[in-house]
Structures are given as structure tokens and as C-alpha cells.
């Protein structure tokens, strides 16, 4: 999956990630989880496994900069 993001938003993302000692992926993943939860989606049933947990291939989002 590829998505577009403005330079300003990318800078804000990187600054937030740096100041909280997180990767871009961690920040984006948490933002998606928070958004889905706020919309009433039960994200816990989707959190098991993933790339690290079950040895499967996790979703990769490519941000072109």
C-alpha cells in the first residue's frame, strides 16, 4: 500500500517519532489503531500474529518522499 503525505505532515511525523523514540511505523500503526477504535472497530482481534508474531508477512505501507 502506498499513500501520499505532505512534506509538512511527514516532518511532524518524524519529529514526533524522534521525540518519543519511536519508528515511523510504530507511530503510523498506533495512529491507525486509535482511529479505528474511535470509530468503534474492535482492533484487538486483528492484533495477534502479524509479521513478528506468527511468522507471517505483515502489511507494509510505503511512503514515497
N, C-alpha and C. Protein backbone atom coordinates (compact mmCIF):
# COMPACT_ATOMS: atom_id res chain seq x y z
N UNK A 1 0.85 -1.16 0.00
CA UNK A 1 0.00 0.00 0.00
C UNK A 1 0.90 1.23 0.00
N UNK A 2 0.55 2.16 -0.80
CA UNK A 2 1.27 3.43 -0.87
C UNK A 2 0.28 4.54 -0.61
N UNK A 3 0.70 5.54 0.14
CA UNK A 3 -0.17 6.69 0.34
C UNK A 3 0.66 7.96 0.28
N UNK A 4 -0.02 9.04 -0.02
CA UNK A 4 0.66 10.33 -0.15
C UNK A 4 0.51 11.10 1.16
N UNK A 5 1.54 11.85 1.49
CA UNK A 5 1.56 12.66 2.70
C UNK A 5 2.33 13.94 2.37
N UNK A 6 1.87 15.05 2.88
CA UNK A 6 2.56 16.31 2.60
C UNK A 6 3.92 16.34 3.31
N UNK A 7 4.82 17.13 2.79
CA UNK A 7 6.14 17.28 3.41
C UNK A 7 6.01 17.75 4.85
N UNK A 8 5.07 18.67 5.09
CA UNK A 8 4.88 19.22 6.43
C UNK A 8 4.40 18.14 7.41
N UNK A 9 3.45 17.32 6.97
CA UNK A 9 2.95 16.26 7.84
C UNK A 9 4.02 15.20 8.08
N UNK A 10 4.83 14.91 7.07
CA UNK A 10 5.92 13.96 7.24
C UNK A 10 6.94 14.48 8.23
N UNK A 11 7.25 15.78 8.16
CA UNK A 11 8.18 16.37 9.14
C UNK A 11 7.61 16.27 10.56
N UNK A 12 6.31 16.53 10.70
CA UNK A 12 5.67 16.43 12.02
C UNK A 12 5.71 14.99 12.53
N UNK A 13 5.46 14.04 11.63
CA UNK A 13 5.53 12.62 11.99
C UNK A 13 6.93 12.25 12.46
N UNK A 14 7.93 12.65 11.70
CA UNK A 14 9.31 12.33 12.06
C UNK A 14 9.72 12.98 13.38
N UNK A 15 9.32 14.22 13.57
CA UNK A 15 9.64 14.92 14.82
C UNK A 15 8.99 14.22 16.01
N UNK A 16 7.72 13.87 15.86
CA UNK A 16 7.03 13.15 16.94
C UNK A 16 7.71 11.82 17.23
N UNK A 17 8.02 11.07 16.18
CA UNK A 17 8.66 9.77 16.35
C UNK A 17 10.01 9.92 17.05
N UNK A 18 10.81 10.87 16.60
CA UNK A 18 12.12 11.09 17.22
C UNK A 18 11.99 11.46 18.70
N UNK A 19 11.10 12.40 18.99
CA UNK A 19 10.98 12.88 20.37
C UNK A 19 10.41 11.81 21.31
N UNK A 20 9.75 10.80 20.74
CA UNK A 20 9.20 9.72 21.55
C UNK A 20 9.94 8.40 21.37
N UNK A 21 11.08 8.48 20.67
CA UNK A 21 11.93 7.31 20.43
C UNK A 21 11.15 6.15 19.82
N UNK A 22 10.38 6.49 18.79
CA UNK A 22 9.59 5.50 18.06
C UNK A 22 9.98 5.54 16.59
N UNK A 23 9.67 4.48 15.89
CA UNK A 23 9.88 4.48 14.44
C UNK A 23 8.65 5.09 13.78
N UNK A 24 8.80 5.47 12.52
CA UNK A 24 7.64 5.92 11.76
C UNK A 24 6.55 4.87 11.78
N UNK A 25 6.95 3.62 11.55
CA UNK A 25 5.98 2.53 11.51
C UNK A 25 5.19 2.42 12.80
N UNK A 26 5.87 2.55 13.93
CA UNK A 26 5.18 2.46 15.21
C UNK A 26 4.16 3.59 15.38
N UNK A 27 4.53 4.80 14.98
CA UNK A 27 3.62 5.94 15.11
C UNK A 27 2.42 5.77 14.18
N UNK A 28 2.66 5.38 12.94
CA UNK A 28 1.57 5.20 11.98
C UNK A 28 0.65 4.08 12.43
N UNK A 29 1.23 2.97 12.89
CA UNK A 29 0.43 1.84 13.35
C UNK A 29 -0.47 2.26 14.52
N UNK A 30 0.09 2.97 15.48
CA UNK A 30 -0.69 3.42 16.64
C UNK A 30 -1.78 4.41 16.22
N UNK A 31 -1.47 5.29 15.28
CA UNK A 31 -2.47 6.25 14.79
C UNK A 31 -3.64 5.52 14.14
N UNK A 32 -3.35 4.50 13.36
CA UNK A 32 -4.41 3.72 12.71
C UNK A 32 -5.26 3.02 13.75
N UNK A 33 -4.62 2.42 14.74
CA UNK A 33 -5.35 1.73 15.82
C UNK A 33 -6.25 2.71 16.55
N UNK A 34 -5.73 3.88 16.90
CA UNK A 34 -6.54 4.88 17.61
C UNK A 34 -7.72 5.34 16.77
N UNK A 35 -7.50 5.56 15.48
CA UNK A 35 -8.59 5.98 14.59
C UNK A 35 -9.68 4.91 14.52
N UNK A 36 -9.27 3.67 14.30
CA UNK A 36 -10.24 2.59 14.20
C UNK A 36 -11.02 2.41 15.49
N UNK A 37 -10.32 2.46 16.63
CA UNK A 37 -11.01 2.37 17.92
C UNK A 37 -12.02 3.49 18.09
N UNK A 38 -11.64 4.70 17.69
CA UNK A 38 -12.54 5.84 17.85
C UNK A 38 -13.78 5.69 16.97
N UNK A 39 -13.70 4.84 15.94
CA UNK A 39 -14.83 4.59 15.05
C UNK A 39 -15.57 3.31 15.42
N UNK A 40 -15.22 2.74 16.59
CA UNK A 40 -15.93 1.57 17.09
C UNK A 40 -15.47 0.24 16.56
N UNK A 41 -14.30 0.19 15.94
CA UNK A 41 -13.77 -1.08 15.41
C UNK A 41 -13.01 -1.79 16.52
N UNK A 42 -13.29 -3.08 16.68
CA UNK A 42 -12.59 -3.89 17.68
C UNK A 42 -11.26 -4.35 17.08
N UNK A 43 -10.23 -3.56 17.30
CA UNK A 43 -8.94 -3.85 16.67
C UNK A 43 -8.18 -4.97 17.37
N UNK A 44 -8.55 -5.32 18.58
CA UNK A 44 -7.82 -6.35 19.32
C UNK A 44 -7.85 -7.69 18.59
N UNK A 45 -8.93 -8.00 17.89
CA UNK A 45 -8.99 -9.28 17.21
C UNK A 45 -8.07 -9.35 16.00
N UNK A 46 -7.54 -8.19 15.58
CA UNK A 46 -6.63 -8.15 14.44
C UNK A 46 -5.17 -8.01 14.85
N UNK A 47 -4.90 -7.83 16.13
CA UNK A 47 -3.54 -7.52 16.57
C UNK A 47 -2.66 -8.73 16.78
N UNK A 48 -3.21 -9.90 16.88
CA UNK A 48 -2.39 -11.09 17.08
C UNK A 48 -1.59 -11.41 15.83
N UNK A 49 -0.51 -12.13 16.01
CA UNK A 49 0.26 -12.57 14.84
C UNK A 49 1.05 -11.45 14.21
N UNK A 50 0.68 -11.08 13.04
CA UNK A 50 1.40 -10.04 12.32
C UNK A 50 2.73 -10.53 11.83
N UNK A 51 3.58 -9.64 11.42
CA UNK A 51 4.87 -10.01 10.84
C UNK A 51 5.75 -10.73 11.84
N UNK A 52 5.80 -10.23 13.07
CA UNK A 52 6.70 -10.81 14.06
C UNK A 52 6.06 -11.98 14.79
N UNK A 53 4.77 -11.88 15.09
CA UNK A 53 4.12 -12.84 15.95
C UNK A 53 3.92 -14.21 15.36
N UNK A 54 3.42 -14.31 14.16
CA UNK A 54 3.08 -15.61 13.60
C UNK A 54 4.02 -16.02 12.48
N UNK A 55 5.05 -15.25 12.28
CA UNK A 55 5.96 -15.57 11.19
C UNK A 55 5.39 -15.23 9.83
N UNK A 56 4.24 -14.61 9.82
CA UNK A 56 3.61 -14.22 8.56
C UNK A 56 4.17 -12.91 8.06
N UNK A 57 3.69 -12.50 6.92
CA UNK A 57 4.13 -11.25 6.33
C UNK A 57 3.19 -10.16 6.76
N UNK A 58 3.71 -9.15 7.45
CA UNK A 58 2.89 -8.03 7.88
C UNK A 58 2.65 -7.07 6.73
N UNK A 59 1.67 -6.21 6.92
CA UNK A 59 1.36 -5.19 5.92
C UNK A 59 2.49 -4.17 5.87
N UNK A 60 2.92 -3.83 4.70
CA UNK A 60 3.96 -2.83 4.52
C UNK A 60 3.34 -1.65 3.81
N UNK A 61 3.47 -0.47 4.41
CA UNK A 61 2.99 0.76 3.80
C UNK A 61 4.22 1.56 3.37
N UNK A 62 4.29 1.84 2.11
CA UNK A 62 5.43 2.58 1.56
C UNK A 62 5.05 4.04 1.41
N UNK A 63 5.85 4.90 2.03
CA UNK A 63 5.62 6.34 1.91
C UNK A 63 6.70 6.90 0.99
N UNK A 64 6.29 7.41 -0.14
CA UNK A 64 7.25 7.96 -1.07
C UNK A 64 7.52 9.40 -0.68
N UNK A 65 8.80 9.70 -0.48
CA UNK A 65 9.20 11.05 -0.08
C UNK A 65 10.15 11.64 -1.08
